[in-house]
Amino acid sequence: MSHYRCFSSFKVRGSCYENVVASKLKDLSFELTVTGKSGDKGIDLKGFWALQSEKIPIAVQCKCTSKPISVSVLREFEGALCTYQVINPIGIIAVTTRPTKSAIEYMMSSRLSLMYLCIDYYGNFFSCLMNPKFCQALPELTVLQPIAFDSKGSEPKFILMSDYEVSLVNDNMQEFYIKFHGPEGTPYSEGVWKIHVEIPDQYPYKSPSIGFVNKIFHPNVDEMSGSVCLDVINQTWSPMFGNHSLNNSRLDMINIFEVFLPQLLRYPNPTDPLNGEAAALLLREPSSYETKVKEYIKRFATKEAIEAAENQAEEGGDDDLEEDSFSDDDAPGMEL
C-alpha cells in the first residue's frame, strides 16, 4: 500500500505534513506556527526567518500531494501572499513532489519573493529553489541558484552560492567558472582564482568536479592541471538536502567554497603532495614557500591577471588563459 494511502483523511494527512515542514524548517532558524484555520487563505504556516541581523516575515503553503505542482498552484499562492497581513513576506511553498518545468519558469519570473522547497512526508529535503526576487530581497544570504533541468523536465540541479562571481561556459548551466578569493590570514589572502566547475547529470548524488584554472603554488594542487587531491572528500560526498542520519562530514557545494578550499589553502599538507616542489619548500623553508606563493599570486592570481588572460583568450579564440597557465582542456578539474 502506498505511503499516501496509509492516511484515511486528507485533512489529517495535510495537518501532519504542516507540522513536519514546521519542524524541519525550525532546524534552519525558521520560527513558524501552524495557522490551523480553514480561512487561512492558503497560508498554512506563518512566522519569521530568524537571521543574525533581523527577522524576515515568512508565509508557507504546504502541499502534500502525489501530483506535480503546476502554475495554477503558484498563482493561488501569489494571491494569498498579496492579501497577507504582513508587507513583503517571503513566500515558501513546501511540497512533496517536484514542480513542472512551466511552474519553475513561472516562479522565476514572479514579482514576489518565492522559495520552492521539496520536503517529503518524512522530513527529508530533496531540492530547493529561490527566485531572483528572493535573491534581491536577501542579497546577504547564501542562497540556492538554479543550474539546469534535464530534457525530461525533472527537478533542477543547484549550486549553493553567495557573493561569488559566476560565469557560464557556452551558456551551459552545468559548466561554469567561479572567482574564489584566498582566505584571510594566509599567504593566499591577496589571491583570486578562477575555479572551473562541472556539474554531472547525477548531481547531487554524484559530486561535481572542480579545478584551479590560473596557477597556484600549493603542495596539494597539481601545478599543471589545477587538480586537487580530494580522495577523502570524494568518499564522503553526499547531497546537502539528504537524510539527516548521514554523517556530519558530508560536503555540499557551499562547503567546497566556504569551508574546504579555504581550509586547503590555510592548512596545506606536504606529506601527501601533488606538487613536490611546493611540499619540499614548505617543509624545508617555510618563509621561502610563502614568498613563492606570493610571487605566483602577483603573476597569476590577481583580478588584473585574470582579466588580461580572459581578454587574451577571447582574442586568441581558444580557452588558454595565458602562456604560463594551463588551458581548460588541461584542467578539467577533479571529481570530489
Protein backbone atom coordinates (compact mmCIF):
# COMPACT_ATOMS: atom_id res chain seq x y z
CA MET A 1 0.00 0.00 0.00
CA SER A 2 1.40 3.42 -0.95
CA HIS A 3 2.52 5.88 1.67
CA TYR A 4 -0.27 8.30 0.82
CA ARG A 5 -2.98 5.63 1.13
CA CYS A 6 -1.94 4.99 4.70
CA PHE A 7 -3.97 8.03 5.73
CA SER A 8 -7.74 7.78 5.65
CA SER A 9 -8.25 11.52 5.95
CA PHE A 10 -6.79 14.04 3.54
CA LYS A 11 -7.17 16.72 6.22
CA VAL A 12 -5.22 14.67 8.76
CA ARG A 13 -2.50 13.98 6.23
CA GLY A 14 -2.24 17.68 5.40
CA SER A 15 -2.10 18.71 9.05
CA CYS A 16 0.63 16.18 9.77
CA TYR A 17 2.65 17.42 6.81
CA GLU A 18 2.36 21.02 8.01
CA ASN A 19 3.89 20.00 11.33
CA VAL A 20 6.66 18.08 9.55
CA VAL A 21 7.55 21.15 7.49
CA ALA A 22 7.46 23.46 10.52
CA SER A 23 9.73 21.11 12.44
CA LYS A 24 12.29 20.76 9.66
CA LEU A 25 12.40 24.50 8.95
CA LYS A 26 12.96 25.10 12.65
CA ASP A 27 16.35 23.42 12.16
CA LEU A 28 17.14 26.18 9.64
CA SER A 29 16.30 29.03 12.06
CA PHE A 30 12.68 29.48 10.98
CA GLU A 31 10.20 30.37 13.71
CA LEU A 32 6.84 29.20 12.39
CA THR A 33 3.41 28.34 13.76
CA VAL A 34 0.58 26.42 12.12
CA THR A 35 -2.35 28.70 11.30
CA GLY A 36 -4.85 25.89 11.85
CA LYS A 37 -7.75 27.77 10.32
CA SER A 38 -10.00 26.87 7.41
CA GLY A 39 -9.99 30.53 6.40
CA ASP A 40 -6.23 30.87 6.25
CA LYS A 41 -6.47 31.78 2.53
CA GLY A 42 -3.78 29.30 1.55
CA ILE A 43 -1.25 30.19 4.28
CA ASP A 44 -0.56 27.10 6.40
CA LEU A 45 2.45 28.32 8.40
CA LYS A 46 3.41 31.85 9.37
CA GLY A 47 6.22 33.45 11.30
CA PHE A 48 9.78 34.61 10.77
CA TRP A 49 13.15 33.58 9.47
CA ALA A 50 15.44 34.45 12.38
CA LEU A 51 18.64 35.75 10.81
CA GLN A 52 21.55 37.28 12.67
CA SER A 53 20.64 40.84 11.67
CA GLU A 54 16.85 40.73 11.51
CA LYS A 55 13.71 38.62 11.37
CA ILE A 56 12.21 38.17 7.91
CA PRO A 57 8.42 37.61 7.71
CA ILE A 58 7.58 34.21 6.23
CA ALA A 59 4.37 32.69 4.88
CA VAL A 60 4.31 28.99 3.96
CA GLN A 61 1.87 26.93 1.95
CA CYS A 62 2.17 23.15 2.33
CA LYS A 63 1.14 20.71 -0.39
CA CYS A 64 1.21 17.02 0.48
CA THR A 65 0.31 15.57 -2.89
CA SER A 66 1.44 12.99 -5.40
CA LYS A 67 0.79 15.36 -8.33
CA PRO A 68 3.43 17.76 -9.69
CA ILE A 69 2.99 21.37 -8.66
CA SER A 70 1.51 23.42 -11.51
CA VAL A 71 1.40 27.09 -12.45
CA SER A 72 -2.15 27.39 -11.11
CA VAL A 73 -0.96 26.41 -7.62
CA LEU A 74 1.70 29.13 -7.71
CA ARG A 75 -0.84 31.71 -8.88
CA GLU A 76 -3.14 30.85 -5.98
CA PHE A 77 -0.21 31.16 -3.58
CA GLU A 78 0.71 34.56 -5.03
CA GLY A 79 -2.88 35.67 -4.41
CA ALA A 80 -2.66 34.51 -0.80
CA LEU A 81 0.60 36.43 -0.31
CA CYS A 82 -0.92 39.61 -1.74
CA THR A 83 -3.66 39.50 0.91
CA TYR A 84 -1.30 38.50 3.74
CA GLN A 85 -1.33 40.88 6.70
CA VAL A 86 2.44 41.42 6.59
CA ILE A 87 4.10 43.64 3.98
CA ASN A 88 6.51 41.94 1.58
CA PRO A 89 6.69 38.48 3.15
CA ILE A 90 8.88 35.72 1.79
CA GLY A 91 6.62 33.05 0.34
CA ILE A 92 7.61 29.41 0.67
CA ILE A 93 5.69 26.63 -1.00
CA ALA A 94 6.63 23.33 0.62
CA VAL A 95 5.66 20.27 -1.41
CA THR A 96 6.21 16.53 -1.54
CA THR A 97 6.63 16.47 -5.32
CA ARG A 98 8.68 18.32 -7.89
CA PRO A 99 7.07 21.17 -9.84
CA THR A 100 6.50 21.14 -13.57
CA LYS A 101 9.02 22.91 -15.76
CA SER A 102 6.44 25.58 -16.59
CA ALA A 103 5.83 26.13 -12.86
CA ILE A 104 9.54 26.70 -12.29
CA GLU A 105 9.69 29.17 -15.15
CA TYR A 106 6.64 30.98 -13.79
CA MET A 107 8.13 31.18 -10.32
CA MET A 108 11.43 32.54 -11.61
CA SER A 109 9.59 35.39 -13.35
CA SER A 110 7.33 36.21 -10.38
CA ARG A 111 7.42 39.71 -8.89
CA LEU A 112 7.05 38.23 -5.41
CA SER A 113 9.82 36.74 -3.29
CA LEU A 114 9.29 32.99 -3.57
CA MET A 115 11.04 29.82 -2.50
CA TYR A 116 10.13 26.34 -3.67
CA LEU A 117 11.09 23.64 -1.17
CA CYS A 118 10.65 19.93 -1.72
CA ILE A 119 10.32 18.02 1.57
CA ASP A 120 8.89 14.53 1.70
CA TYR A 121 6.44 13.34 4.35
CA TYR A 122 9.30 12.00 6.44
CA GLY A 123 11.02 15.40 6.60
CA ASN A 124 13.80 14.76 4.08
CA PHE A 125 14.90 17.71 1.92
CA PHE A 126 15.24 16.98 -1.79
CA SER A 127 15.54 20.28 -3.60
CA CYS A 128 15.17 24.00 -3.13
CA LEU A 129 14.80 26.94 -5.48
CA MET A 130 14.70 30.66 -4.78
CA ASN A 131 13.62 33.09 -7.48
CA PRO A 132 15.54 36.28 -8.46
CA LYS A 133 13.18 38.48 -6.45
CA PHE A 134 14.05 36.49 -3.34
CA CYS A 135 17.77 36.83 -4.06
CA GLN A 136 17.39 40.59 -4.50
CA ALA A 137 15.45 40.87 -1.26
CA LEU A 138 18.08 38.98 0.73
CA PRO A 139 21.39 39.51 -1.08
CA GLU A 140 23.41 38.94 2.07
CA LEU A 141 22.20 35.36 2.36
CA THR A 142 23.91 32.34 0.93
CA VAL A 143 21.22 31.17 -1.49
CA LEU A 144 20.48 28.47 -3.98
CA GLN A 145 20.69 29.34 -7.67
CA PRO A 146 19.24 27.08 -10.38
CA ILE A 147 21.78 25.27 -12.53
CA ALA A 148 19.72 23.31 -15.04
CA PHE A 149 16.92 20.91 -15.61
CA ASP A 150 17.22 17.85 -17.78
CA SER A 151 15.37 17.29 -21.05
CA LYS A 152 12.60 15.40 -19.28
CA GLY A 153 11.71 18.41 -17.17
CA SER A 154 12.68 16.85 -13.88
CA GLU A 155 13.75 18.85 -10.86
CA PRO A 156 16.58 21.36 -11.33
CA LYS A 157 20.12 20.89 -10.19
CA PHE A 158 21.52 23.50 -7.85
CA ILE A 159 24.66 25.13 -6.66
CA LEU A 160 24.88 26.97 -3.41
CA MET A 161 26.13 30.49 -3.97
CA SER A 162 26.62 33.69 -2.02
CA ASP A 163 28.88 36.57 -3.06
CA TYR A 164 30.68 34.65 -5.79
CA GLU A 165 31.06 35.84 -9.36
CA VAL A 166 29.84 33.07 -11.65
CA SER A 167 30.19 32.84 -15.43
CA LEU A 168 28.75 30.07 -17.61
CA VAL A 169 30.74 28.20 -20.24
CA ASN A 170 28.99 28.50 -23.61
CA ASP A 171 25.67 29.10 -21.82
CA ASN A 172 25.95 25.60 -20.36
CA MET A 173 24.47 25.79 -16.87
CA GLN A 174 26.28 22.62 -15.82
CA GLU A 175 29.72 24.05 -16.53
CA PHE A 176 30.88 27.38 -15.20
CA TYR A 177 33.64 29.36 -13.52
CA ILE A 178 33.63 30.85 -10.03
CA LYS A 179 36.00 33.54 -8.76
CA PHE A 180 37.45 32.36 -5.45
CA HIS A 181 39.38 34.61 -3.06
CA GLY A 182 42.12 33.28 -0.80
CA PRO A 183 41.33 33.11 2.93
CA GLU A 184 42.42 35.93 5.21
CA GLY A 185 45.40 35.38 7.47
CA THR A 186 47.21 33.15 4.96
CA PRO A 187 49.85 33.73 2.27
CA TYR A 188 46.99 33.27 -0.24
CA SER A 189 44.86 36.14 1.12
CA GLU A 190 45.60 38.51 -1.76
CA GLY A 191 44.93 35.93 -4.45
CA VAL A 192 41.94 35.45 -6.74
CA TRP A 193 41.49 32.16 -8.56
CA LYS A 194 39.21 31.13 -11.34
CA ILE A 195 37.71 27.76 -10.40
CA HIS A 196 36.33 25.52 -13.12
CA VAL A 197 33.21 23.63 -12.02
CA GLU A 198 31.34 20.87 -13.82
CA ILE A 199 28.02 19.54 -12.54
CA PRO A 200 27.35 15.93 -13.57
CA ASP A 201 23.91 14.79 -14.69
CA GLN A 202 23.67 12.72 -11.50
CA TYR A 203 24.19 15.75 -9.21
CA PRO A 204 23.65 15.95 -6.27
CA TYR A 205 24.02 12.19 -5.96
CA LYS A 206 27.36 12.38 -7.76
CA SER A 207 29.88 15.00 -6.76
CA PRO A 208 30.84 17.93 -9.01
CA SER A 209 34.36 18.34 -10.36
CA ILE A 210 36.47 21.43 -9.76
CA GLY A 211 39.93 22.68 -10.68
CA PHE A 212 42.09 25.80 -10.44
CA VAL A 213 42.40 27.47 -13.85
CA ASN A 214 45.07 30.06 -13.09
CA LYS A 215 48.20 28.81 -11.41
CA ILE A 216 48.57 28.38 -7.66
CA PHE A 217 51.66 27.27 -5.75
CA HIS A 218 50.40 24.72 -3.25
CA PRO A 219 51.54 21.22 -2.18
CA ASN A 220 48.10 19.68 -2.74
CA VAL A 221 47.28 21.28 -6.10
CA ASP A 222 48.84 19.97 -9.30
CA GLU A 223 50.55 22.95 -10.89
CA MET A 224 49.94 21.85 -14.48
CA SER A 225 46.37 20.53 -14.31
CA GLY A 226 44.99 22.52 -11.37
CA SER A 227 43.53 19.37 -9.86
CA VAL A 228 43.28 18.90 -6.10
CA CYS A 229 43.88 15.77 -4.05
CA LEU A 230 40.38 15.09 -2.76
CA ASP A 231 40.08 11.34 -2.34
CA VAL A 232 38.73 11.65 1.19
CA ILE A 233 36.22 14.32 0.17
CA ASN A 234 35.04 12.19 -2.74
CA GLN A 235 34.34 9.30 -0.39
CA THR A 236 32.24 11.46 1.95
CA TRP A 237 30.30 13.43 -0.66
CA SER A 238 26.53 13.40 -0.31
CA PRO A 239 23.73 15.84 -1.22
CA MET A 240 23.09 18.75 1.13
CA PHE A 241 19.41 18.03 1.37
CA GLY A 242 19.59 14.39 2.36
CA ASN A 243 18.72 12.18 5.25
CA HIS A 244 19.93 13.78 8.48
CA SER A 245 21.31 10.44 9.61
CA LEU A 246 24.18 10.88 7.15
CA ASN A 247 27.40 11.68 8.96
CA ASN A 248 28.32 15.29 9.50
CA SER A 249 31.42 15.13 7.30
CA ARG A 250 29.37 15.36 4.13
CA LEU A 251 30.10 18.33 1.87
CA ASP A 252 27.80 20.30 -0.36
CA MET A 253 28.66 22.95 -2.90
CA ILE A 254 28.79 25.81 -0.44
CA ASN A 255 31.15 23.86 1.79
CA ILE A 256 33.56 23.49 -1.13
CA PHE A 257 33.96 27.24 -1.47
CA GLU A 258 33.44 28.38 2.10
CA VAL A 259 34.97 25.52 4.05
CA PHE A 260 37.05 23.03 2.09
CA LEU A 261 39.03 25.28 -0.26
CA PRO A 262 39.79 27.87 2.45
CA GLN A 263 40.94 25.06 4.75
CA LEU A 264 43.03 23.58 1.96
CA LEU A 265 44.88 26.87 1.50
CA ARG A 266 45.08 27.56 5.20
CA TYR A 267 46.48 24.13 6.13
CA PRO A 268 48.48 22.64 3.24
CA ASN A 269 49.52 19.02 3.69
CA PRO A 270 53.09 18.48 2.43
CA THR A 271 53.01 14.76 3.32
CA ASP A 272 50.53 13.96 0.53
CA PRO A 273 51.65 16.27 -2.28
CA LEU A 274 50.61 16.76 -5.87
CA ASN A 275 53.26 19.46 -6.18
CA GLY A 276 56.51 18.01 -4.85
CA GLU A 277 58.45 21.27 -5.17
CA ALA A 278 55.91 23.17 -3.08
CA ALA A 279 55.79 20.41 -0.47
CA ALA A 280 59.58 20.25 -0.13
CA LEU A 281 59.91 24.02 0.10
CA LEU A 282 57.20 24.23 2.77
CA LEU A 283 58.97 21.59 4.86
CA ARG A 284 62.50 22.99 4.46
CA GLU A 285 62.00 26.74 4.21
CA PRO A 286 58.51 27.95 5.18
CA SER A 287 59.44 31.59 4.66
CA SER A 288 60.68 30.89 1.14
CA TYR A 289 57.49 28.95 0.49
CA GLU A 290 55.37 31.95 1.46
CA THR A 291 57.48 34.19 -0.75
CA LYS A 292 56.93 31.94 -3.75
CA VAL A 293 53.19 31.71 -3.05
CA LYS A 294 53.01 35.50 -3.18
CA GLU A 295 55.10 35.59 -6.35
CA TYR A 296 52.62 33.26 -8.03
CA ILE A 297 49.73 35.40 -6.81
CA LYS A 298 51.33 38.56 -8.22
CA ARG A 299 51.93 36.85 -11.54
CA PHE A 300 48.85 34.69 -11.99
CA ALA A 301 46.21 35.33 -9.30
CA THR A 302 45.22 38.99 -9.34
CA LYS A 303 42.00 40.35 -10.81
CA GLU A 304 44.06 42.15 -13.43
CA ALA A 305 45.93 38.97 -14.36
CA ILE A 306 42.68 37.03 -14.75
CA GLU A 307 41.06 39.78 -16.82
CA ALA A 308 44.12 40.07 -19.05
CA ALA A 309 44.18 36.32 -19.55
CA GLU A 310 40.45 36.25 -20.36
CA ASN A 311 40.87 39.04 -22.90
CA GLN A 312 43.80 37.22 -24.44
CA ALA A 313 41.74 34.02 -24.63
CA GLU A 314 38.89 35.84 -26.37
CA GLU A 315 41.24 37.43 -28.89
CA GLY A 316 43.01 34.13 -29.48
CA GLY A 317 39.76 32.23 -29.94
CA ASP A 318 40.75 29.47 -27.52
CA ASP A 319 40.43 28.68 -23.84
CA ASP A 320 44.02 29.34 -22.82
CA LEU A 321 44.30 31.84 -20.03
CA GLU A 322 47.88 32.80 -20.84
CA GLU A 323 51.12 31.24 -21.86
CA ASP A 324 52.15 30.44 -18.29
CA SER A 325 48.80 28.99 -17.19
CA PHE A 326 47.01 25.86 -18.18
CA SER A 327 44.08 25.60 -20.55
CA ASP A 328 40.59 24.35 -19.79
CA ASP A 329 41.42 21.20 -21.72
CA ASP A 330 44.43 20.62 -19.49
CA ALA A 331 42.48 21.48 -16.36
CA PRO A 332 39.03 19.95 -16.50
CA GLY A 333 39.15 19.70 -12.73
CA MET A 334 38.80 16.75 -10.45
CA GLU A 335 35.80 14.91 -9.16
CA LEU A 336 35.21 15.50 -5.49
